[in-house]
Amino acid sequence: MLRKKRGTLQPNKSSIVLHLKPILAARNIIHPAAFLIKMGINNNSANKMLKGEAVQVNFRQLTSLCMTLNCTPNDLFALRDLTPTVGHQLEKLQKLEDAIVNPLEAFSTMGLQELKEMQQGK
């Protein structure tokens, strides 16, 4: 008996998606596919993750991503075509349409004093 592995779930239909580009840009990772493969994620899965076509992420991969990138699962996922009700916890996830900010570029125009004040929470 043959069984469908993923059922009818398709990457372009999911409202919560794996969105690695912002966190990889924030960590200044230049070759993301090589980075994921070095972490132990196979080539096919790594490419699907980077293209936004991944329909599943196992807990080993999720834990490895969070540990290596020093982040939480919330930092790895984004919303697509979904507007949660006001106050819903899903509002904390980034939007897929949000611009990717490179921190090196964002902080490059700031002076040393501004950076110190930001670090101290002033």
PDB file of N, CA and C in Angstrom:
ATOM      1  N   MET A   1       0.841  -1.183   0.000  1.00  0.00           N
ATOM      2  CA  MET A   1       0.000   0.000   0.000  1.00  0.00           C
ATOM      3  C   MET A   1       0.888   1.250   0.000  1.00  0.00           C
ATOM      4  N   LEU A   2       0.667   2.113  -0.950  1.00  0.00           N
ATOM      5  CA  LEU A   2       1.417   3.357  -1.022  1.00  0.00           C
ATOM      6  C   LEU A   2       0.720   4.434  -0.212  1.00  0.00           C
ATOM      7  N   ARG A   3       1.509   5.223   0.426  1.00  0.00           N
ATOM      8  CA  ARG A   3       0.948   6.282   1.256  1.00  0.00           C
ATOM      9  C   ARG A   3       1.634   7.591   0.895  1.00  0.00           C
ATOM     10  N   LYS A   4       0.872   8.648   0.822  1.00  0.00           N
ATOM     11  CA  LYS A   4       1.439   9.946   0.516  1.00  0.00           C
ATOM     12  C   LYS A   4       2.197  10.440   1.742  1.00  0.00           C
ATOM     13  N   LYS A   5       3.424  10.877   1.517  1.00  0.00           N
ATOM     14  CA  LYS A   5       4.270  11.297   2.619  1.00  0.00           C
ATOM     15  C   LYS A   5       3.781  12.593   3.253  1.00  0.00           C
ATOM     16  N   ARG A   6       3.382  13.540   2.461  1.00  0.00           N
ATOM     17  CA  ARG A   6       2.999  14.847   2.983  1.00  0.00           C
ATOM     18  C   ARG A   6       1.531  15.173   2.809  1.00  0.00           C
ATOM     19  N   GLY A   7       0.759  14.271   2.302  1.00  0.00           N
ATOM     20  CA  GLY A   7      -0.645  14.571   2.079  1.00  0.00           C
ATOM     21  C   GLY A   7      -0.782  15.641   1.020  1.00  0.00           C
ATOM     22  N   THR A   8      -1.627  16.621   1.265  1.00  0.00           N
ATOM     23  CA  THR A   8      -1.874  17.670   0.273  1.00  0.00           C
ATOM     24  C   THR A   8      -1.175  18.989   0.621  1.00  0.00           C
ATOM     25  N   LEU A   9      -0.317  18.984   1.642  1.00  0.00           N
ATOM     26  CA  LEU A   9       0.365  20.209   2.045  1.00  0.00           C
ATOM     27  C   LEU A   9       1.345  20.643   0.964  1.00  0.00           C
ATOM     28  N   GLN A  10       1.218  21.892   0.535  1.00  0.00           N
ATOM     29  CA  GLN A  10       2.100  22.446  -0.476  1.00  0.00           C
ATOM     30  C   GLN A  10       2.757  23.695   0.089  1.00  0.00           C
ATOM     31  N   PRO A  11       4.032  23.939  -0.252  1.00  0.00           N
ATOM     32  CA  PRO A  11       4.746  25.077   0.314  1.00  0.00           C
ATOM     33  C   PRO A  11       4.066  26.425   0.066  1.00  0.00           C
ATOM     34  N   ASN A  12       3.479  26.600  -1.103  1.00  0.00           N
ATOM     35  CA  ASN A  12       2.881  27.900  -1.414  1.00  0.00           C
ATOM     36  C   ASN A  12       1.505  28.077  -0.791  1.00  0.00           C
ATOM     37  N   LYS A  13       1.001  27.090  -0.079  1.00  0.00           N
ATOM     38  CA  LYS A  13      -0.309  27.186   0.556  1.00  0.00           C
ATOM     39  C   LYS A  13      -0.215  27.410   2.066  1.00  0.00           C
ATOM     40  N   SER A  14       0.958  27.185   2.633  1.00  0.00           N
ATOM     41  CA  SER A  14       1.126  27.309   4.074  1.00  0.00           C
ATOM     42  C   SER A  14       1.203  28.779   4.483  1.00  0.00           C
ATOM     43  N   SER A  15       0.571  29.131   5.589  1.00  0.00           N
ATOM     44  CA  SER A  15       0.591  30.512   6.067  1.00  0.00           C
ATOM     45  C   SER A  15       1.764  30.791   6.995  1.00  0.00           C
ATOM     46  N   ILE A  16       2.315  29.754   7.608  1.00  0.00           N
ATOM     47  CA  ILE A  16       3.518  29.892   8.439  1.00  0.00           C
ATOM     48  C   ILE A  16       4.639  29.210   7.675  1.00  0.00           C
ATOM     49  N   VAL A  17       5.695  29.965   7.366  1.00  0.00           N
ATOM     50  CA  VAL A  17       6.771  29.439   6.528  1.00  0.00           C
ATOM     51  C   VAL A  17       8.129  29.634   7.202  1.00  0.00           C
ATOM     52  N   LEU A  18       9.052  28.749   6.849  1.00  0.00           N
ATOM     53  CA  LEU A  18      10.424  28.876   7.302  1.00  0.00           C
ATOM     54  C   LEU A  18      11.065  29.986   6.488  1.00  0.00           C
ATOM     55  N   HIS A  19      11.596  30.988   7.169  1.00  0.00           N
ATOM     56  CA  HIS A  19      12.143  32.169   6.493  1.00  0.00           C
ATOM     57  C   HIS A  19      13.529  32.446   7.065  1.00  0.00           C
ATOM     58  N   LEU A  20      14.541  31.818   6.471  1.00  0.00           N
ATOM     59  CA  LEU A  20      15.894  31.881   7.005  1.00  0.00           C
ATOM     60  C   LEU A  20      16.699  33.094   6.555  1.00  0.00           C
ATOM     61  N   LYS A  21      16.304  33.710   5.462  1.00  0.00           N
ATOM     62  CA  LYS A  21      17.131  34.784   4.898  1.00  0.00           C
ATOM     63  C   LYS A  21      17.438  35.920   5.879  1.00  0.00           C
ATOM     64  N   PRO A  22      16.464  36.422   6.659  1.00  0.00           N
ATOM     65  CA  PRO A  22      16.798  37.526   7.570  1.00  0.00           C
ATOM     66  C   PRO A  22      17.804  37.142   8.646  1.00  0.00           C
ATOM     67  N   ILE A  23      17.645  35.968   9.249  1.00  0.00           N
ATOM     68  CA  ILE A  23      18.561  35.569  10.325  1.00  0.00           C
ATOM     69  C   ILE A  23      19.949  35.265   9.768  1.00  0.00           C
ATOM     70  N   LEU A  24      20.008  34.693   8.563  1.00  0.00           N
ATOM     71  CA  LEU A  24      21.302  34.430   7.945  1.00  0.00           C
ATOM     72  C   LEU A  24      21.994  35.743   7.563  1.00  0.00           C
ATOM     73  N   ALA A  25      21.227  36.716   7.076  1.00  0.00           N
ATOM     74  CA  ALA A  25      21.794  38.029   6.745  1.00  0.00           C
ATOM     75  C   ALA A  25      22.283  38.726   8.020  1.00  0.00           C
ATOM     76  N   ALA A  26      21.520  38.609   9.099  1.00  0.00           N
ATOM     77  CA  ALA A  26      21.902  39.233  10.362  1.00  0.00           C
ATOM     78  C   ALA A  26      23.187  38.628  10.917  1.00  0.00           C
ATOM     79  N   ARG A  27      23.428  37.362  10.607  1.00  0.00           N
ATOM     80  CA  ARG A  27      24.645  36.682  11.072  1.00  0.00           C
ATOM     81  C   ARG A  27      25.772  36.792  10.050  1.00  0.00           C
ATOM     82  N   ASN A  28      25.528  37.541   8.981  1.00  0.00           N
ATOM     83  CA  ASN A  28      26.507  37.785   7.922  1.00  0.00           C
ATOM     84  C   ASN A  28      27.032  36.478   7.311  1.00  0.00           C
ATOM     85  N   ILE A  29      26.112  35.548   7.071  1.00  0.00           N
ATOM     86  CA  ILE A  29      26.464  34.269   6.452  1.00  0.00           C
ATOM     87  C   ILE A  29      26.358  34.434   4.945  1.00  0.00           C
ATOM     88  N   ILE A  30      27.489  34.346   4.280  1.00  0.00           N
ATOM     89  CA  ILE A  30      27.576  34.653   2.860  1.00  0.00           C
ATOM     90  C   ILE A  30      27.104  33.494   1.984  1.00  0.00           C
ATOM     91  N   HIS A  31      27.399  32.259   2.382  1.00  0.00           N
ATOM     92  CA  HIS A  31      27.023  31.074   1.603  1.00  0.00           C
ATOM     93  C   HIS A  31      26.054  30.231   2.420  1.00  0.00           C
ATOM     94  N   PRO A  32      24.761  30.595   2.409  1.00  0.00           N
ATOM     95  CA  PRO A  32      23.797  29.918   3.282  1.00  0.00           C
ATOM     96  C   PRO A  32      23.628  28.428   3.011  1.00  0.00           C
ATOM     97  N   ALA A  33      23.657  27.999   1.760  1.00  0.00           N
ATOM     98  CA  ALA A  33      23.487  26.569   1.464  1.00  0.00           C
ATOM     99  C   ALA A  33      24.634  25.770   2.061  1.00  0.00           C
ATOM    100  N   ALA A  34      25.853  26.237   1.868  1.00  0.00           N
ATOM    101  CA  ALA A  34      27.017  25.550   2.435  1.00  0.00           C
ATOM    102  C   ALA A  34      26.948  25.540   3.960  1.00  0.00           C
ATOM    103  N   PHE A  35      26.477  26.620   4.535  1.00  0.00           N
ATOM    104  CA  PHE A  35      26.331  26.711   5.988  1.00  0.00           C
ATOM    105  C   PHE A  35      25.359  25.646   6.503  1.00  0.00           C
ATOM    106  N   LEU A  36      24.204  25.516   5.855  1.00  0.00           N
ATOM    107  CA  LEU A  36      23.204  24.533   6.280  1.00  0.00           C
ATOM    108  C   LEU A  36      23.707  23.106   6.088  1.00  0.00           C
ATOM    109  N   ILE A  37      24.399  22.856   5.001  1.00  0.00           N
ATOM    110  CA  ILE A  37      24.937  21.519   4.746  1.00  0.00           C
ATOM    111  C   ILE A  37      25.993  21.166   5.793  1.00  0.00           C
ATOM    112  N   LYS A  38      26.833  22.137   6.146  1.00  0.00           N
ATOM    113  CA  LYS A  38      27.849  21.915   7.172  1.00  0.00           C
ATOM    114  C   LYS A  38      27.207  21.620   8.528  1.00  0.00           C
ATOM    115  N   MET A  39      26.007  22.160   8.759  1.00  0.00           N
ATOM    116  CA  MET A  39      25.271  21.895   9.998  1.00  0.00           C
ATOM    117  C   MET A  39      24.709  20.481  10.041  1.00  0.00           C
ATOM    118  N   GLY A  40      24.691  19.791   8.902  1.00  0.00           N
ATOM    119  CA  GLY A  40      24.174  18.429   8.866  1.00  0.00           C
ATOM    120  C   GLY A  40      22.838  18.298   8.163  1.00  0.00           C
ATOM    121  N   ILE A  41      22.369  19.369   7.547  1.00  0.00           N
ATOM    122  CA  ILE A  41      21.120  19.325   6.780  1.00  0.00           C
ATOM    123  C   ILE A  41      21.487  18.925   5.354  1.00  0.00           C
ATOM    124  N   ASN A  42      20.782  17.939   4.803  1.00  0.00           N
ATOM    125  CA  ASN A  42      21.166  17.456   3.473  1.00  0.00           C
ATOM    126  C   ASN A  42      20.921  18.533   2.411  1.00  0.00           C
ATOM    127  N   ASN A  43      21.590  18.365   1.288  1.00  0.00           N
ATOM    128  CA  ASN A  43      21.573  19.356   0.208  1.00  0.00           C
ATOM    129  C   ASN A  43      20.163  19.678  -0.268  1.00  0.00           C
ATOM    130  N   ASN A  44      19.341  18.668  -0.471  1.00  0.00           N
ATOM    131  CA  ASN A  44      17.979  18.872  -0.963  1.00  0.00           C
ATOM    132  C   ASN A  44      17.162  19.691   0.040  1.00  0.00           C
ATOM    133  N   SER A  45      17.226  19.307   1.312  1.00  0.00           N
ATOM    134  CA  SER A  45      16.474  20.036   2.342  1.00  0.00           C
ATOM    135  C   SER A  45      16.985  21.467   2.492  1.00  0.00           C
ATOM    136  N   ALA A  46      18.305  21.648   2.449  1.00  0.00           N
ATOM    137  CA  ALA A  46      18.887  22.987   2.576  1.00  0.00           C
ATOM    138  C   ALA A  46      18.385  23.910   1.465  1.00  0.00           C
ATOM    139  N   ASN A  47      18.377  23.409   0.242  1.00  0.00           N
ATOM    140  CA  ASN A  47      17.907  24.222  -0.884  1.00  0.00           C
ATOM    141  C   ASN A  47      16.426  24.549  -0.759  1.00  0.00           C
ATOM    142  N   LYS A  48      15.628  23.578  -0.325  1.00  0.00           N
ATOM    143  CA  LYS A  48      14.200  23.845  -0.131  1.00  0.00           C
ATOM    144  C   LYS A  48      13.981  24.878   0.971  1.00  0.00           C
ATOM    145  N   MET A  49      14.748  24.777   2.046  1.00  0.00           N
ATOM    146  CA  MET A  49      14.622  25.747   3.144  1.00  0.00           C
ATOM    147  C   MET A  49      14.938  27.158   2.652  1.00  0.00           C
ATOM    148  N   LEU A  50      15.988  27.291   1.872  1.00  0.00           N
ATOM    149  CA  LEU A  50      16.406  28.615   1.409  1.00  0.00           C
ATOM    150  C   LEU A  50      15.453  29.201   0.369  1.00  0.00           C
ATOM    151  N   LYS A  51      14.794  28.348  -0.402  1.00  0.00           N
ATOM    152  CA  LYS A  51      13.840  28.814  -1.409  1.00  0.00           C
ATOM    153  C   LYS A  51      12.453  29.060  -0.813  1.00  0.00           C
ATOM    154  N   GLY A  52      12.245  28.668   0.444  1.00  0.00           N
ATOM    155  CA  GLY A  52      10.928  28.808   1.057  1.00  0.00           C
ATOM    156  C   GLY A  52       9.974  27.716   0.629  1.00  0.00           C
ATOM    157  N   GLU A  53      10.507  26.588   0.183  1.00  0.00           N
ATOM    158  CA  GLU A  53       9.683  25.486  -0.289  1.00  0.00           C
ATOM    159  C   GLU A  53       9.586  24.344   0.720  1.00  0.00           C
ATOM    160  N   ALA A  54      10.215  24.484   1.880  1.00  0.00           N
ATOM    161  CA  ALA A  54      10.190  23.415   2.880  1.00  0.00           C
ATOM    162  C   ALA A  54       8.781  23.298   3.466  1.00  0.00           C
ATOM    163  N   VAL A  55       8.252  22.083   3.482  1.00  0.00           N
ATOM    164  CA  VAL A  55       6.921  21.870   4.061  1.00  0.00           C
ATOM    165  C   VAL A  55       7.005  21.231   5.436  1.00  0.00           C
ATOM    166  N   GLN A  56       8.219  20.838   5.827  1.00  0.00           N
ATOM    167  CA  GLN A  56       8.391  20.285   7.164  1.00  0.00           C
ATOM    168  C   GLN A  56       9.823  20.518   7.625  1.00  0.00           C
ATOM    169  N   VAL A  57       9.966  20.688   8.921  1.00  0.00           N
ATOM    170  CA  VAL A  57      11.268  20.813   9.559  1.00  0.00           C
ATOM    171  C   VAL A  57      11.204  19.910  10.774  1.00  0.00           C
ATOM    172  N   ASN A  58      12.155  18.976  10.890  1.00  0.00           N
ATOM    173  CA  ASN A  58      12.095  18.104  12.052  1.00  0.00           C
ATOM    174  C   ASN A  58      12.750  18.785  13.254  1.00  0.00           C
ATOM    175  N   PHE A  59      12.520  18.241  14.423  1.00  0.00           N
ATOM    176  CA  PHE A  59      13.018  18.874  15.645  1.00  0.00           C
ATOM    177  C   PHE A  59      14.542  18.885  15.719  1.00  0.00           C
ATOM    178  N   ARG A  60      15.197  17.897  15.133  1.00  0.00           N
ATOM    179  CA  ARG A  60      16.659  17.902  15.118  1.00  0.00           C
ATOM    180  C   ARG A  60      17.165  19.096  14.311  1.00  0.00           C
ATOM    181  N   GLN A  61      16.552  19.319  13.147  1.00  0.00           N
ATOM    182  CA  GLN A  61      16.955  20.452  12.311  1.00  0.00           C
ATOM    183  C   GLN A  61      16.641  21.776  13.007  1.00  0.00           C
ATOM    184  N   LEU A  62      15.459  21.868  13.592  1.00  0.00           N
ATOM    185  CA  LEU A  62      15.055  23.100  14.267  1.00  0.00           C
ATOM    186  C   LEU A  62      15.989  23.409  15.434  1.00  0.00           C
ATOM    187  N   THR A  63      16.306  22.398  16.231  1.00  0.00           N
ATOM    188  CA  THR A  63      17.215  22.584  17.360  1.00  0.00           C
ATOM    189  C   THR A  63      18.597  22.985  16.876  1.00  0.00           C
ATOM    190  N   SER A  64      19.076  22.332  15.838  1.00  0.00           N
ATOM    191  CA  SER A  64      20.390  22.642  15.291  1.00  0.00           C
ATOM    192  C   SER A  64      20.449  24.074  14.758  1.00  0.00           C
ATOM    193  N   LEU A  65      19.403  24.492  14.050  1.00  0.00           N
ATOM    194  CA  LEU A  65      19.347  25.875  13.545  1.00  0.00           C
ATOM    195  C   LEU A  65      19.368  26.877  14.698  1.00  0.00           C
ATOM    196  N   CYS A  66      18.549  26.637  15.712  1.00  0.00           N
ATOM    197  CA  CYS A  66      18.466  27.564  16.848  1.00  0.00           C
ATOM    198  C   CYS A  66      19.781  27.629  17.617  1.00  0.00           C
ATOM    199  N   MET A  67      20.405  26.488  17.843  1.00  0.00           N
ATOM    200  CA  MET A  67      21.669  26.461  18.583  1.00  0.00           C
ATOM    201  C   MET A  67      22.790  27.138  17.789  1.00  0.00           C
ATOM    202  N   THR A  68      22.878  26.836  16.508  1.00  0.00           N
ATOM    203  CA  THR A  68      23.948  27.381  15.677  1.00  0.00           C
ATOM    204  C   THR A  68      23.774  28.881  15.431  1.00  0.00           C
ATOM    205  N   LEU A  69      22.537  29.312  15.219  1.00  0.00           N
ATOM    206  CA  LEU A  69      22.276  30.721  14.908  1.00  0.00           C
ATOM    207  C   LEU A  69      21.990  31.559  16.152  1.00  0.00           C
ATOM    208  N   ASN A  70      21.977  30.919  17.329  1.00  0.00           N
ATOM    209  CA  ASN A  70      21.709  31.604  18.591  1.00  0.00           C
ATOM    210  C   ASN A  70      20.399  32.390  18.503  1.00  0.00           C
ATOM    211  N   CYS A  71      19.314  31.648  18.241  1.00  0.00           N
ATOM    212  CA  CYS A  71      18.009  32.279  18.068  1.00  0.00           C
ATOM    213  C   CYS A  71      16.913  31.366  18.609  1.00  0.00           C
ATOM    214  N   THR A  72      15.691  31.830  18.528  1.00  0.00           N
ATOM    215  CA  THR A  72      14.543  31.021  18.926  1.00  0.00           C
ATOM    216  C   THR A  72      13.797  30.580  17.663  1.00  0.00           C
ATOM    217  N   PRO A  73      12.920  29.594  17.771  1.00  0.00           N
ATOM    218  CA  PRO A  73      12.130  29.203  16.597  1.00  0.00           C
ATOM    219  C   PRO A  73      11.338  30.374  16.007  1.00  0.00           C
ATOM    220  N   ASN A  74      10.882  31.305  16.846  1.00  0.00           N
ATOM    221  CA  ASN A  74      10.141  32.464  16.327  1.00  0.00           C
ATOM    222  C   ASN A  74      10.973  33.281  15.344  1.00  0.00           C
ATOM    223  N   ASP A  75      12.290  33.278  15.517  1.00  0.00           N
ATOM    224  CA  ASP A  75      13.156  34.034  14.618  1.00  0.00           C
ATOM    225  C   ASP A  75      13.273  33.385  13.244  1.00  0.00           C
ATOM    226  N   LEU A  76      12.890  32.125  13.145  1.00  0.00           N
ATOM    227  CA  LEU A  76      13.074  31.365  11.908  1.00  0.00           C
ATOM    228  C   LEU A  76      11.825  31.293  11.038  1.00  0.00           C
ATOM    229  N   PHE A  77      10.684  31.668  11.587  1.00  0.00           N
ATOM    230  CA  PHE A  77       9.428  31.524  10.861  1.00  0.00           C
ATOM    231  C   PHE A  77       8.807  32.886  10.565  1.00  0.00           C
ATOM    232  N   ALA A  78       7.995  32.921   9.518  1.00  0.00           N
ATOM    233  CA  ALA A  78       7.310  34.153   9.127  1.00  0.00           C
ATOM    234  C   ALA A  78       5.880  33.807   8.713  1.00  0.00           C
ATOM    235  N   LEU A  79       5.044  34.841   8.687  1.00  0.00           N
ATOM    236  CA  LEU A  79       3.655  34.683   8.251  1.00  0.00           C
ATOM    237  C   LEU A  79       3.520  35.098   6.793  1.00  0.00           C
ATOM    238  N   ARG A  80       2.711  34.350   6.057  1.00  0.00           N
ATOM    239  CA  ARG A  80       2.418  34.692   4.671  1.00  0.00           C
ATOM    240  C   ARG A  80       0.896  34.656   4.506  1.00  0.00           C
ATOM    241  N   ASP A  81       0.333  35.729   4.013  1.00  0.00           N
ATOM    242  CA  ASP A  81      -1.107  35.796   3.718  1.00  0.00           C
ATOM    243  C   ASP A  81      -1.972  35.429   4.915  1.00  0.00           C
ATOM    244  N   LEU A  82      -1.578  35.870   6.091  1.00  0.00           N
ATOM    245  CA  LEU A  82      -2.347  35.579   7.295  1.00  0.00           C
ATOM    246  C   LEU A  82      -2.280  36.792   8.207  1.00  0.00           C
ATOM    247  N   THR A  83      -3.443  37.275   8.623  1.00  0.00           N
ATOM    248  CA  THR A  83      -3.502  38.381   9.560  1.00  0.00           C
ATOM    249  C   THR A  83      -4.183  37.883  10.830  1.00  0.00           C
ATOM    250  N   PRO A  84      -3.393  37.603  11.869  1.00  0.00           N
ATOM    251  CA  PRO A  84      -4.001  37.114  13.110  1.00  0.00           C
ATOM    252  C   PRO A  84      -4.814  38.210  13.799  1.00  0.00           C
ATOM    253  N   THR A  85      -5.722  37.808  14.644  1.00  0.00           N
ATOM    254  CA  THR A  85      -6.516  38.780  15.382  1.00  0.00           C
ATOM    255  C   THR A  85      -5.618  39.563  16.330  1.00  0.00           C
ATOM    256  N   VAL A  86      -6.043  40.746  16.702  1.00  0.00           N
ATOM    257  CA  VAL A  86      -5.254  41.612  17.580  1.00  0.00           C
ATOM    258  C   VAL A  86      -5.003  40.894  18.898  1.00  0.00           C
ATOM    259  N   GLY A  87      -3.741  40.901  19.323  1.00  0.00           N
ATOM    260  CA  GLY A  87      -3.364  40.269  20.575  1.00  0.00           C
ATOM    261  C   GLY A  87      -2.982  38.811  20.445  1.00  0.00           C
ATOM    262  N   HIS A  88      -3.151  38.228  19.257  1.00  0.00           N
ATOM    263  CA  HIS A  88      -2.791  36.819  19.053  1.00  0.00           C
ATOM    264  C   HIS A  88      -1.267  36.683  19.052  1.00  0.00           C
ATOM    265  N   GLN A  89      -0.773  35.579  19.588  1.00  0.00           N
ATOM    266  CA  GLN A  89       0.672  35.355  19.679  1.00  0.00           C
ATOM    267  C   GLN A  89       1.356  35.300  18.311  1.00  0.00           C
ATOM    268  N   LEU A  90       0.633  34.936  17.262  1.00  0.00           N
ATOM    269  CA  LEU A  90       1.231  34.894  15.925  1.00  0.00           C
ATOM    270  C   LEU A  90       1.635  36.274  15.419  1.00  0.00           C
ATOM    271  N   GLU A  91       1.120  37.330  16.038  1.00  0.00           N
ATOM    272  CA  GLU A  91       1.521  38.687  15.651  1.00  0.00           C
ATOM    273  C   GLU A  91       3.013  38.914  15.887  1.00  0.00           C
ATOM    274  N   LYS A  92       3.605  38.135  16.774  1.00  0.00           N
ATOM    275  CA  LYS A  92       5.027  38.294  17.094  1.00  0.00           C
ATOM    276  C   LYS A  92       5.946  37.788  15.990  1.00  0.00           C
ATOM    277  N   LEU A  93       5.411  36.937  15.105  1.00  0.00           N
ATOM    278  CA  LEU A  93       6.229  36.448  13.995  1.00  0.00           C
ATOM    279  C   LEU A  93       6.426  37.549  12.957  1.00  0.00           C
ATOM    280  N   GLN A  94       7.561  37.506  12.290  1.00  0.00           N
ATOM    281  CA  GLN A  94       7.818  38.464  11.215  1.00  0.00           C
ATOM    282  C   GLN A  94       6.889  38.187  10.034  1.00  0.00           C
ATOM    283  N   LYS A  95       6.716  39.155   9.213  1.00  0.00           N
ATOM    284  CA  LYS A  95       5.925  38.996   7.990  1.00  0.00           C
ATOM    285  C   LYS A  95       6.887  38.638   6.858  1.00  0.00           C
ATOM    286  N   LEU A  96       6.456  37.783   5.965  1.00  0.00           N
ATOM    287  CA  LEU A  96       7.298  37.355   4.857  1.00  0.00           C
ATOM    288  C   LEU A  96       7.695  38.549   3.986  1.00  0.00           C
ATOM    289  N   GLU A  97       6.841  39.548   3.932  1.00  0.00           N
ATOM    290  CA  GLU A  97       7.097  40.720   3.093  1.00  0.00           C
ATOM    291  C   GLU A  97       8.055  41.721   3.733  1.00  0.00           C
ATOM    292  N   ASP A  98       8.366  41.550   5.039  1.00  0.00           N
ATOM    293  CA  ASP A  98       9.246  42.496   5.731  1.00  0.00           C
ATOM    294  C   ASP A  98      10.613  42.553   5.059  1.00  0.00           C
ATOM    295  N   ALA A  99      11.182  43.726   5.028  1.00  0.00           N
ATOM    296  CA  ALA A  99      12.493  43.903   4.413  1.00  0.00           C
ATOM    297  C   ALA A  99      13.565  43.230   5.265  1.00  0.00           C
ATOM    298  N   ILE A 100      14.573  42.699   4.607  1.00  0.00           N
ATOM    299  CA  ILE A 100      15.703  42.088   5.303  1.00  0.00           C
ATOM    300  C   ILE A 100      16.698  43.189   5.622  1.00  0.00           C
ATOM    301  N   VAL A 101      17.054  43.293   6.889  1.00  0.00           N
ATOM    302  CA  VAL A 101      17.970  44.335   7.337  1.00  0.00           C
ATOM    303  C   VAL A 101      19.313  43.702   7.666  1.00  0.00           C
ATOM    304  N   ASN A 102      20.356  44.191   7.046  1.00  0.00           N
ATOM    305  CA  ASN A 102      21.703  43.751   7.370  1.00  0.00           C
ATOM    306  C   ASN A 102      22.215  44.649   8.495  1.00  0.00           C
ATOM    307  N   PRO A 103      22.476  44.075   9.677  1.00  0.00           N
ATOM    308  CA  PRO A 103      22.882  44.920  10.809  1.00  0.00           C
ATOM    309  C   PRO A 103      24.185  45.667  10.569  1.00  0.00           C
ATOM    310  N   LEU A 104      25.083  45.104   9.777  1.00  0.00           N
ATOM    311  CA  LEU A 104      26.328  45.813   9.485  1.00  0.00           C
ATOM    312  C   LEU A 104      26.050  47.115   8.753  1.00  0.00           C
ATOM    313  N   GLU A 105      25.078  47.088   7.837  1.00  0.00           N
ATOM    314  CA  GLU A 105      24.710  48.302   7.119  1.00  0.00           C
ATOM    315  C   GLU A 105      23.914  49.248   8.013  1.00  0.00           C
ATOM    316  N   ALA A 106      23.016  48.676   8.829  1.00  0.00           N
ATOM    317  CA  ALA A 106      22.160  49.508   9.679  1.00  0.00           C
ATOM    318  C   ALA A 106      22.963  50.270  10.718  1.00  0.00           C
ATOM    319  N   PHE A 107      23.988  49.627  11.283  1.00  0.00           N
ATOM    320  CA  PHE A 107      24.762  50.273  12.345  1.00  0.00           C
ATOM    321  C   PHE A 107      25.982  51.028  11.824  1.00  0.00           C
ATOM    322  N   SER A 108      26.284  50.897  10.550  1.00  0.00           N
ATOM    323  CA  SER A 108      27.488  51.527  10.009  1.00  0.00           C
ATOM    324  C   SER A 108      27.437  53.053  10.055  1.00  0.00           C
ATOM    325  N   THR A 109      26.244  53.625  10.066  1.00  0.00           N
ATOM    326  CA  THR A 109      26.135  55.086  10.095  1.00  0.00           C
ATOM    327  C   THR A 109      26.062  55.641  11.509  1.00  0.00           C
ATOM    328  N   MET A 110      25.980  54.756  12.496  1.00  0.00           N
ATOM    329  CA  MET A 110      25.861  55.212  13.881  1.00  0.00           C
ATOM    330  C   MET A 110      27.247  55.477  14.469  1.00  0.00           C
ATOM    331  N   GLY A 111      27.313  56.474  15.333  1.00  0.00           N
ATOM    332  CA  GLY A 111      28.549  56.784  16.026  1.00  0.00           C
ATOM    333  C   GLY A 111      28.765  55.849  17.205  1.00  0.00           C
ATOM    334  N   LEU A 112      29.975  55.846  17.737  1.00  0.00           N
ATOM    335  CA  LEU A 112      30.319  54.975  18.857  1.00  0.00           C
ATOM    336  C   LEU A 112      29.462  55.281  20.083  1.00  0.00           C
ATOM    337  N   GLN A 113      29.211  56.547  20.336  1.00  0.00           N
ATOM    338  CA  GLN A 113      28.395  56.923  21.500  1.00  0.00           C
ATOM    339  C   GLN A 113      26.963  56.401  21.347  1.00  0.00           C
ATOM    340  N   GLU A 114      26.408  56.515  20.156  1.00  0.00           N
ATOM    341  CA  GLU A 114      25.055  55.998  19.913  1.00  0.00           C
ATOM    342  C   GLU A 114      24.984  54.489  20.151  1.00  0.00           C
ATOM    343  N   LEU A 115      25.998  53.777  19.692  1.00  0.00           N
ATOM    344  CA  LEU A 115      26.027  52.327  19.882  1.00  0.00           C
ATOM    345  C   LEU A 115      26.137  51.971  21.369  1.00  0.00           C
ATOM    346  N   LYS A 116      26.956  52.715  22.116  1.00  0.00           N
ATOM    347  CA  LYS A 116      27.086  52.466  23.557  1.00  0.00           C
ATOM    348  C   LYS A 116      25.774  52.707  24.273  1.00  0.00           C
ATOM    349  N   GLU A 117      25.079  53.791  23.906  1.00  0.00           N
ATOM    350  CA  GLU A 117      23.792  54.102  24.523  1.00  0.00           C
ATOM    351  C   GLU A 117      22.753  53.038  24.185  1.00  0.00           C
ATOM    352  N   MET A 118      22.775  52.541  22.963  1.00  0.00           N
ATOM    353  CA  MET A 118      21.840  51.496  22.572  1.00  0.00           C
ATOM    354  C   MET A 118      22.102  50.225  23.385  1.00  0.00           C
ATOM    355  N   GLN A 119      23.369  49.908  23.560  1.00  0.00           N
ATOM    356  CA  GLN A 119      23.736  48.714  24.306  1.00  0.00           C
ATOM    357  C   GLN A 119      23.301  48.827  25.764  1.00  0.00           C
ATOM    358  N   GLN A 120      23.350  50.025  26.312  1.00  0.00           N
ATOM    359  CA  GLN A 120      22.968  50.247  27.710  1.00  0.00           C
ATOM    360  C   GLN A 120      21.464  50.435  27.871  1.00  0.00           C
ATOM    361  N   GLY A 121      20.740  50.475  26.764  1.00  0.00           N
ATOM    362  CA  GLY A 121      19.288  50.585  26.817  1.00  0.00           C
ATOM    363  C   GLY A 121      18.797  52.002  27.099  1.00  0.00           C
ATOM    364  N   LYS A 122      19.557  52.982  26.727  1.00  0.00           N
ATOM    365  CA  LYS A 122      19.146  54.390  26.964  1.00  0.00           C
ATOM    366  C   LYS A 122      18.344  54.905  25.806  1.00  0.00           C
TER     367      LYS A 122
END
